[in-house]
């Protein structure tokens, strides 16, 4: 899986791809200059259970670490992943 980030400085979206096929997305919005909120994570029908949702959350965590940002996971799926992954505590807002 690879992702493409669309980011206008106020909000953004990662699109997830397996090869050339788009398999999911994650939407976020910036909350100031040092944090962002994950609003929605979606894996498209037929692609469930393949780890794409967790990979999208990992992409957001990697982005936050690289940029020195914190994350508030308002999306229920992302929150569940954060709750189960103590290694993400460093970026949790």
Foldseek 3Di string as FASTA:
>chain_A
DDWDWDDPPAKIKIFDDDVPDTFWMWIWGDDPDAEIETDDTDGDPPCPPVCPRVVVLVVVLVVNVVRNHAYDYPYPVSVVSCVVDVVSVVRHD
